[in-house]
Amino acid sequence: MGAFWSMSGTKVAKSEYNEVSLGETCKRQRIVSICYEENLRLIPSLPDEISIQIFARLPRVCYLNMRLVARNWKAVMMSPELFNLRKKLGMTEEWLYLLIKFEDDKLFWHAFDPWSKLWQRLPPIPNVVYEEESRKGLYGLLMGNMVGQSNNLIDIIMGWLGRKHAPGQLPFGGCAIGTADGCLYVLGGFSKASAMRCVWRYDPIANVWSEVTPMSTGRAYCKTSILNNKLYVVGGVSRGNGGLVPLQSAEVFDPYTGTWSQVPSMTFSKAQVLPAAFMADMLKPIATGMTSYKGRLHVPQSLYSWPFFVDVGGEIYDPETNSWDEMPIGMGEGWPAKHAGTKLSVVVDGELYALDPSSSPNSGKIKVYDEKEDAWKIAIEKVPITDFSESESPYLLTGFHGKLHVITKYANRKIVVLQADACNNMDSFTSSSSESMEESEKVVWKVIAETNFGPAELVSCQVLDI
């Protein structure tokens, strides 16, 4: 292994300096100098195999500075072999990746390392359109389809998309966020009134973004989840002849082959049975979430047109049979909704949790799904969050290090990451309701991180274990 690193370092050095236009003598001297430097051991007096074993046991946050020591060190720090060794040694670390949006509609990623308590900003996604034309394009699409119609109809479409903003204030976005094979993915979204097919992948080892194979269908506001290390995408909206149309289709991305495959479309069977014909024209079926739970994809669904919001259960995708089936009634109809168009959920230690917020402080709840009784039960009675109507995503739910975490933004612009121990509440399901509430009140929310990104709004979050 030591020979491998030395050889790779030498090749890089020769290639790099052969491109420099200098005198032959000077060039020869530099090549000799660099080759000598790169053929040195990673750590003097230690075989490179031992040095790499040491590197693999160090915290990831150290790698940023270690890259600056020497070129052969940088090559090691950015090599998949080092991170494969970390997996074998059980030294992987879970980091939280947070996507935020500023008033000028620009999106930025930040990574939080719970070991060092440090935030790090990721490089921006290349060639992403943030300009006014994106906003104007979608605005023009809406207005062009509604000439002579009331503003209420515009509000219906905007609300159907899960946004209460006026058309001129529609934020750029609609992109979906996912993870697969230790990388972040940003998929689709709106640009110039069109739903995009493009997919961007962030590699945390190389610290770079790259464009990968696009989706077969342009989508915005679609839902994503990982199952069997493949990234699934369902639903969303696209542009049709009559404006924005909901999508029932689904597809799956294999990060190893870099290819997309079709998945049978969702049937929205319950959405097709409506009490009146006019409601069928107004209410649109949408996928409001997706979670990988017990080897299958669970997709809650709703009928929505602002201000009307009707739960219609959901569907479950089984990869073994490659088919959809109706979600149990209690699970689908009781799935808590954050707001129209979104239902927050996460699986921690095999249990499915969902956030049930409230407009008053400290009155939000976290519920857990009881599969035997097909019912959602309170796991944590009090969650210290407050809904801000002007914020797109005032709170997020995630799980890492085996615990539930809520990310929220306070009135003083501080973004905080709150941690609760889910294990303390697992026995409360079998208790009476009063005992459950008494048990849940013992939960203490711990602030594990806080930062101030100014006027930035929360958009999404993901966890990578590397």
Foldseek 3Di string as FASTA:
>chain_A
DLVVLLVVQLVVLVVVLVVDDDDPVVSVVSSVVSNVVSNAAPDPPDRNVVVLVVVLQDDLVVLVVQLVPDVSSVVSLLDVVSVVVNVVVVNWAKKKKFWWAFQLLDIWIWIAGLVVQDIDTADGAPPDDSDLLQLVLLLCLLCVLAVPHDVLQVCQVCVLLVHNDRSSRDHFALWEWEDFPQKIKTAWGTGSLFTDFWMWIAHPSNRDIDTADGHPDRFGNWEWEAFPRKIKTAWHWGQDPSGIAIFQWMWIAHPVVRDIDGADGDDLVQLVDDPDPVLNVRWHKTFAYWYCAPRKIWTWIWTGTPPDIGTRFTWIAHPVVSDIDTDPPQQRRQQAAPHPRHWAWEAFPRWIKTKHQDQDAQQIFIWTADVVVSHTDTQAGTDGFHDDPVASDQKHWYDDPRWIWMWGADPVQKIWIKTWHSVQRPPLVPPDNVSSHVSNVVIDIDTSHIDHPDNMGTDYMDMGTD
